[in-house]
Amino acid sequence: MSARIVTFGEIMLRLKSPGFERLFQSPTLEATFGGGEANVAVSCANYGMDASFVTVLPDNDVARACARELRGFGVDTRDIVYTAGRMGIYFVESGAVQRPSKVIYDRAGSAIAEARPGDVDWKKAFAGATWFHITGITPAISDGARLLAIESVKAAKELGLTVSCDLNYRKNLWKYGKTASEVMPEIVKYVDVVIANEEDVQKALGISAESAASVEEGKIDTSVYESIAKAVMKAYPNVSRVAITLRESKSASHNDWSACLYNGREFLLSRKYQITHIVDRVGGGDSFSGGLIYGLNTCSDDQSALEFAVAASCLKHSIPGDYNRVSVKEVEALMKGSGSGRVQR
């Protein structure tokens, strides 16, 4: 049976200042849509996979436009729940050189934040599905979203799906009285593939790396991450793979990008890419998740799956917006060494 991917989470209206301007430096904001799990669904659909996105949205023209955009990428939106409320918004300005990017959330009281267990028909949403993806953003939104997220992973495992979770710690969320370290362990109990960076593992699961601070110094000691991955799998025996993205920030415009993966047998390191002129890094981690899901479903081995995910995410850094608008052919070309950026004729 071919893979069918389902993702669940919040999608928001994204309002961005033009180019590398500060917010409201000019009166113009670029309006698009984005959200971690939706970004993953778009990536999977772009690679030719059967991908569905589940969320809770207000029943208004903005939300309907959002769903139309997702369908334009080939994402199945039939299981989106429409209700009263509002759509979350986030404002973003792209950083440059030593000025970091900035994200401002306006998502309190959104339709999904007000959702409760039972609002989504998981049996229907998971019909024919083989893989379910969620992130740590959804349970950070509200207590209701937390309960709905737990309900989703339980239902997925009961129906025999492989579950992946990007821990995706966001310090500007988690405002409703619970911390990530209180909530995420309950979700990870139902997860097969954990995706994270070093901060995610520390903040969400309480498993830390002594050298985590070296990320902002522009260098990473990769030897530390095997022990982190092993510690995650020891604490959660249900987990079969741990993938950790490794971003070495030289500046807001220049990052080195790679990843590692531990599958219980081998500790694998990917090729490292020097991304010297970042266009938009928002959605970079989501593009890694989408690439890894594709790779684990189609590649002959975990090393190839990891290389596909890292190459896909590298390309995302060159594309404005949340979505990774690349094809399998383009990712594979980069994997084979075609990174010069020469015009393809």
Protein backbone atom coordinates (compact mmCIF):
# COMPACT_ATOMS: atom_id res chain seq x y z
CA MET A 1 0.00 0.00 0.00
CA SER A 2 1.36 3.44 -0.94
CA ALA A 3 1.98 5.91 1.85
CA ARG A 4 -0.72 8.37 2.85
CA ILE A 5 0.42 11.18 5.13
CA VAL A 6 -1.83 13.08 7.55
CA THR A 7 -0.65 16.15 9.46
CA PHE A 8 -2.51 18.09 12.16
CA GLY A 9 -1.97 21.53 13.63
CA GLU A 10 -2.63 25.24 13.35
CA ILE A 11 -2.24 27.18 10.13
CA MET A 12 -2.10 30.96 10.36
CA LEU A 13 -2.26 34.06 8.26
CA ARG A 14 1.34 35.19 7.76
CA LEU A 15 1.96 38.94 7.46
CA LYS A 16 5.54 39.80 6.50
CA SER A 17 7.40 43.04 5.90
CA PRO A 18 8.76 43.28 2.32
CA GLY A 19 12.24 41.92 1.69
CA PHE A 20 14.46 42.53 4.69
CA GLU A 21 12.60 45.60 5.97
CA ARG A 22 11.60 46.02 9.61
CA LEU A 23 7.92 45.56 10.41
CA PHE A 24 5.98 48.68 9.40
CA GLN A 25 9.05 50.32 7.92
CA SER A 26 6.73 50.68 4.93
CA PRO A 27 2.91 50.45 4.97
CA THR A 28 2.95 47.15 3.07
CA LEU A 29 2.70 43.63 4.48
CA GLU A 30 2.84 40.48 2.35
CA ALA A 31 -0.07 38.15 3.18
CA THR A 32 0.37 34.40 2.85
CA PHE A 33 -0.37 31.36 5.02
CA GLY A 34 1.81 28.99 7.01
CA GLY A 35 2.08 26.65 9.94
CA GLY A 36 4.42 23.82 10.87
CA GLU A 37 2.22 20.85 10.08
CA ALA A 38 0.68 22.44 6.96
CA ASN A 39 4.19 23.16 5.69
CA VAL A 40 5.02 19.47 6.06
CA ALA A 41 1.88 18.44 4.19
CA VAL A 42 2.78 20.80 1.31
CA SER A 43 6.29 19.35 1.12
CA CYS A 44 4.97 15.79 0.98
CA ALA A 45 2.41 16.72 -1.70
CA ASN A 46 5.13 18.42 -3.75
CA TYR A 47 7.05 15.14 -3.70
CA GLY A 48 4.04 13.33 -5.14
CA MET A 49 2.80 11.80 -1.89
CA ASP A 50 -0.84 11.54 -0.86
CA ALA A 51 -0.96 14.21 1.87
CA SER A 52 -3.83 15.49 4.01
CA PHE A 53 -3.92 18.38 6.45
CA VAL A 54 -6.30 18.47 9.42
CA THR A 55 -7.00 21.60 11.44
CA VAL A 56 -9.78 23.70 12.94
CA LEU A 57 -10.53 26.98 11.16
CA PRO A 58 -13.15 29.72 11.37
CA ASP A 59 -15.84 29.55 8.73
CA ASN A 60 -14.94 32.74 6.87
CA ASP A 61 -13.45 33.88 3.56
CA VAL A 62 -9.87 34.10 4.85
CA ALA A 63 -9.90 30.51 6.10
CA ARG A 64 -11.52 29.28 2.89
CA ALA A 65 -8.80 31.04 0.89
CA CYS A 66 -6.22 29.28 3.02
CA ALA A 67 -7.79 25.88 2.27
CA ARG A 68 -7.89 26.70 -1.46
CA GLU A 69 -4.19 27.53 -1.40
CA LEU A 70 -3.40 24.19 0.24
CA ARG A 71 -5.50 22.34 -2.35
CA GLY A 72 -3.52 24.16 -5.03
CA PHE A 73 -0.44 22.30 -3.78
CA GLY A 74 -2.33 19.00 -3.93
CA VAL A 75 -3.02 18.77 -0.18
CA ASP A 76 -6.30 17.09 0.81
CA THR A 77 -8.32 19.47 3.01
CA ARG A 78 -11.58 17.54 3.32
CA ASP A 79 -11.10 16.85 7.04
CA ILE A 80 -10.61 20.48 8.06
CA VAL A 81 -13.21 21.39 10.68
CA TYR A 82 -14.90 24.78 10.25
CA THR A 83 -16.36 26.49 13.29
CA ALA A 84 -16.79 29.88 14.94
CA GLY A 85 -13.82 32.00 16.02
CA ARG A 86 -10.84 33.56 14.35
CA MET A 87 -7.72 32.58 12.46
CA GLY A 88 -4.37 33.01 14.14
CA ILE A 89 -1.97 35.56 12.68
CA TYR A 90 1.78 35.89 12.85
CA PHE A 91 3.95 38.81 11.82
CA VAL A 92 7.47 38.18 10.57
CA GLU A 93 10.46 40.24 9.53
CA SER A 94 13.45 38.57 7.92
CA GLY A 95 16.77 39.16 9.64
CA ALA A 96 19.97 40.00 7.85
CA VAL A 97 23.62 39.77 8.81
CA GLN A 98 23.75 40.27 12.61
CA ARG A 99 20.06 41.27 12.97
CA PRO A 100 17.96 38.18 13.75
CA SER A 101 14.57 37.42 12.24
CA LYS A 102 11.59 38.29 14.41
CA VAL A 103 8.20 36.58 14.77
CA ILE A 104 5.23 38.10 16.64
CA TYR A 105 2.22 35.86 17.32
CA ASP A 106 -1.40 37.00 17.46
CA ARG A 107 -3.11 33.64 17.86
CA ALA A 108 -4.90 33.77 21.24
CA GLY A 109 -8.50 32.62 20.93
CA SER A 110 -8.03 31.12 17.46
CA ALA A 111 -10.48 28.45 16.31
CA ILE A 112 -8.03 25.63 17.03
CA ALA A 113 -7.12 27.13 20.43
CA GLU A 114 -10.80 26.88 21.35
CA ALA A 115 -11.16 23.31 20.01
CA ARG A 116 -11.71 20.36 22.30
CA PRO A 117 -11.33 16.56 22.15
CA GLY A 118 -14.04 15.08 19.98
CA ASP A 119 -14.09 17.99 17.54
CA VAL A 120 -12.14 15.98 14.93
CA ASP A 121 -13.32 12.60 13.62
CA TRP A 122 -9.95 10.85 13.74
CA LYS A 123 -11.23 7.55 12.41
CA LYS A 124 -12.41 9.36 9.28
CA ALA A 125 -9.30 11.53 9.02
CA PHE A 126 -6.98 8.52 9.33
CA ALA A 127 -8.90 6.27 6.91
CA GLY A 128 -6.33 4.72 4.58
CA ALA A 129 -3.47 6.66 6.18
CA THR A 130 -0.08 5.15 6.98
CA TRP A 131 1.75 8.08 8.63
CA PHE A 132 0.73 10.85 11.02
CA HIS A 133 2.79 13.97 11.75
CA ILE A 134 2.33 16.50 14.53
CA THR A 135 4.55 19.08 16.22
CA GLY A 136 5.06 20.51 19.68
CA ILE A 137 3.45 23.76 18.55
CA THR A 138 -0.12 22.44 18.66
CA PRO A 139 -0.15 21.38 22.34
CA ALA A 140 1.50 24.71 23.25
CA ILE A 141 -1.42 26.78 21.96
CA SER A 142 -4.03 26.07 24.66
CA ASP A 143 -5.18 23.39 27.06
CA GLY A 144 -7.89 22.33 24.63
CA ALA A 145 -5.36 22.01 21.81
CA ARG A 146 -3.13 19.98 24.14
CA LEU A 147 -5.94 17.51 24.83
CA LEU A 148 -6.80 17.33 21.13
CA ALA A 149 -3.15 16.67 20.25
CA ILE A 150 -2.96 13.82 22.77
CA GLU A 151 -6.22 12.43 21.40
CA SER A 152 -4.76 12.52 17.88
CA VAL A 153 -1.59 10.55 18.60
CA LYS A 154 -3.51 7.98 20.63
CA ALA A 155 -5.96 7.48 17.77
CA ALA A 156 -3.14 7.23 15.23
CA LYS A 157 -1.37 4.49 17.18
CA GLU A 158 -4.60 2.59 17.79
CA LEU A 159 -5.13 2.55 14.02
CA GLY A 160 -1.56 1.36 13.34
CA LEU A 161 -0.07 4.52 11.82
CA THR A 162 3.58 5.49 12.10
CA VAL A 163 3.72 8.71 14.12
CA SER A 164 6.35 11.41 13.75
CA CYS A 165 6.66 14.47 15.96
CA ASP A 166 8.81 17.55 15.55
CA LEU A 167 9.22 18.73 19.14
CA ASN A 168 9.42 22.32 17.87
CA TYR A 169 9.80 24.18 21.16
CA ARG A 170 8.58 27.79 21.01
CA LYS A 171 9.35 29.91 24.07
CA ASN A 172 6.76 32.53 23.08
CA LEU A 173 3.96 29.96 23.38
CA TRP A 174 3.15 27.80 26.45
CA LYS A 175 1.18 30.57 28.15
CA TYR A 176 -1.81 28.63 29.52
CA GLY A 177 -0.27 27.22 32.69
CA LYS A 178 1.59 24.12 31.54
CA THR A 179 5.18 23.78 30.35
CA ALA A 180 6.53 21.83 27.40
CA SER A 181 8.32 19.42 29.73
CA GLU A 182 5.00 18.64 31.43
CA VAL A 183 3.12 17.98 28.21
CA MET A 184 5.45 16.66 25.50
CA PRO A 185 6.46 13.42 27.28
CA GLU A 186 2.81 12.34 27.20
CA ILE A 187 2.75 12.84 23.42
CA VAL A 188 6.15 11.27 22.74
CA LYS A 189 4.92 8.03 24.37
CA TYR A 190 2.97 7.47 21.13
CA VAL A 191 5.69 8.61 18.69
CA ASP A 192 7.90 6.46 16.43
CA VAL A 193 10.08 9.17 14.87
CA VAL A 194 11.25 12.15 16.94
CA ILE A 195 12.51 15.21 15.06
CA ALA A 196 14.19 18.01 16.98
CA ASN A 197 17.07 20.35 17.48
CA GLU A 198 19.17 20.42 20.64
CA GLU A 199 17.01 23.06 22.37
CA ASP A 200 13.81 21.14 21.59
CA VAL A 201 15.12 18.01 23.29
CA GLN A 202 16.25 19.95 26.33
CA LYS A 203 13.14 22.10 26.79
CA ALA A 204 10.51 19.53 25.83
CA LEU A 205 11.95 16.32 27.25
CA GLY A 206 14.49 17.52 29.81
CA ILE A 207 17.37 15.79 28.02
CA SER A 208 20.23 18.23 27.50
CA ALA A 209 23.56 18.54 25.72
CA GLU A 210 26.39 20.25 27.55
CA SER A 211 27.50 21.87 24.31
CA ALA A 212 24.09 23.15 23.23
CA ALA A 213 25.24 26.73 23.69
CA SER A 214 27.86 26.23 20.98
CA VAL A 215 25.14 26.52 18.31
CA GLU A 216 25.03 30.28 18.67
CA GLU A 217 28.81 30.37 18.61
CA GLY A 218 28.66 29.00 15.07
CA LYS A 219 30.00 25.52 15.78
CA ILE A 220 28.61 22.20 16.90
CA ASP A 221 30.26 19.17 18.46
CA THR A 222 28.40 16.38 16.65
CA SER A 223 29.71 13.70 19.00
CA VAL A 224 27.33 14.94 21.69
CA TYR A 225 24.20 14.21 19.70
CA GLU A 226 24.55 10.46 19.57
CA SER A 227 24.28 10.36 23.35
CA ILE A 228 21.24 12.69 23.22
CA ALA A 229 19.50 10.45 20.70
CA LYS A 230 20.28 7.34 22.72
CA ALA A 231 18.95 9.02 25.86
CA VAL A 232 15.68 9.82 24.09
CA MET A 233 15.27 6.23 22.92
CA LYS A 234 16.12 4.90 26.36
CA ALA A 235 13.48 7.12 27.96
CA TYR A 236 10.94 6.29 25.24
CA PRO A 237 11.40 2.70 24.02
CA ASN A 238 8.60 3.19 21.49
CA VAL A 239 10.79 5.61 19.51
CA SER A 240 12.56 3.92 16.58
CA ARG A 241 14.41 6.94 15.16
CA VAL A 242 15.65 10.28 16.45
CA ALA A 243 16.62 12.94 13.92
CA ILE A 244 18.35 16.11 15.12
CA THR A 245 18.92 19.13 12.90
CA LEU A 246 22.25 20.91 13.36
CA ARG A 247 22.22 24.60 12.56
CA GLU A 248 25.47 26.52 13.01
CA SER A 249 24.57 30.20 12.96
CA LYS A 250 27.35 32.42 11.67
CA SER A 251 24.83 35.25 11.25
CA ALA A 252 21.18 35.69 10.29
CA SER A 253 22.28 35.47 6.66
CA HIS A 254 24.84 32.67 6.92
CA ASN A 255 24.21 29.26 8.50
CA ASP A 256 25.83 25.88 8.15
CA TRP A 257 23.13 23.21 7.94
CA SER A 258 23.28 19.47 8.54
CA ALA A 259 21.56 16.79 10.60
CA CYS A 260 22.08 13.46 12.30
CA LEU A 261 19.87 10.42 12.78
CA TYR A 262 20.04 7.50 15.21
CA ASN A 263 17.96 4.40 14.45
CA GLY A 264 18.99 2.18 17.33
CA ARG A 265 21.79 0.60 15.31
CA GLU A 266 23.67 3.36 13.52
CA PHE A 267 24.42 7.01 14.23
CA LEU A 268 24.32 8.76 10.86
CA LEU A 269 25.61 12.22 9.94
CA SER A 270 24.59 14.07 6.81
CA ARG A 271 26.53 16.22 4.43
CA LYS A 272 26.94 19.82 5.68
CA TYR A 273 25.69 22.71 3.54
CA GLN A 274 26.98 26.26 3.82
CA ILE A 275 23.97 28.51 3.28
CA THR A 276 25.60 31.89 2.81
CA HIS A 277 22.72 34.11 1.65
CA ILE A 278 19.55 33.04 3.45
CA VAL A 279 16.35 34.32 1.85
CA ASP A 280 13.87 32.95 4.41
CA ARG A 281 14.62 30.40 7.12
CA VAL A 282 11.03 30.23 8.43
CA GLY A 283 9.79 26.74 7.61
CA GLY A 284 13.31 25.33 7.37
CA GLY A 285 12.71 22.74 10.06
CA ASP A 286 9.33 21.82 8.57
CA SER A 287 10.96 21.25 5.19
CA PHE A 288 13.40 18.89 6.92
CA SER A 289 10.49 16.97 8.45
CA GLY A 290 8.70 16.72 5.12
CA GLY A 291 11.87 15.54 3.41
CA LEU A 292 12.54 12.97 6.11
CA ILE A 293 9.00 11.58 5.91
CA TYR A 294 9.39 11.26 2.15
CA GLY A 295 12.84 9.69 2.50
CA LEU A 296 11.84 7.15 5.14
CA ASN A 297 8.93 6.08 2.94
CA THR A 298 10.81 5.86 -0.35
CA CYS A 299 14.59 5.61 0.13
CA SER A 300 16.39 2.30 0.44
CA ASP A 301 18.24 3.22 3.64
CA ASP A 302 18.20 5.76 6.48
CA GLN A 303 21.35 7.55 5.27
CA SER A 304 19.69 8.35 1.95
CA ALA A 305 16.53 9.50 3.74
CA LEU A 306 18.58 11.81 5.96
CA GLU A 307 20.49 13.25 3.01
CA PHE A 308 17.24 13.93 1.16
CA ALA A 309 15.78 15.74 4.18
CA VAL A 310 18.84 17.96 4.68
CA ALA A 311 19.12 18.81 0.98
CA ALA A 312 15.40 19.65 0.80
CA SER A 313 15.70 21.93 3.81
CA CYS A 314 18.81 23.59 2.44
CA LEU A 315 16.85 24.55 -0.68
CA LYS A 316 13.99 25.92 1.43
CA HIS A 317 16.32 28.62 2.79
CA SER A 318 16.33 30.12 -0.72
CA ILE A 319 12.52 30.39 -1.00
CA PRO A 320 10.35 33.16 0.51
CA GLY A 321 7.33 32.02 2.49
CA ASP A 322 6.61 29.05 4.71
CA TYR A 323 6.26 26.40 2.00
CA ASN A 324 9.11 24.46 0.41
CA ARG A 325 8.28 24.75 -3.28
CA VAL A 326 10.75 22.19 -4.62
CA SER A 327 10.47 18.87 -6.42
CA VAL A 328 12.10 15.50 -5.81
CA LYS A 329 14.22 16.06 -8.92
CA GLU A 330 15.56 19.36 -7.59
CA VAL A 331 16.39 17.88 -4.19
CA GLU A 332 18.14 14.90 -5.76
CA ALA A 333 20.17 17.23 -8.00
CA LEU A 334 21.52 19.01 -4.93
CA MET A 335 22.22 15.67 -3.23
CA LYS A 336 24.33 14.72 -6.25
CA GLY A 337 26.39 17.88 -5.90
CA SER A 338 24.59 20.33 -8.17
CA GLY A 339 24.74 23.29 -5.81
CA SER A 340 26.26 25.94 -8.05
CA GLY A 341 22.96 27.65 -8.80
CA ARG A 342 23.66 27.73 -12.54
CA VAL A 343 20.66 28.35 -14.78
CA GLN A 344 18.98 25.08 -15.76
CA ARG A 345 18.26 25.08 -19.52
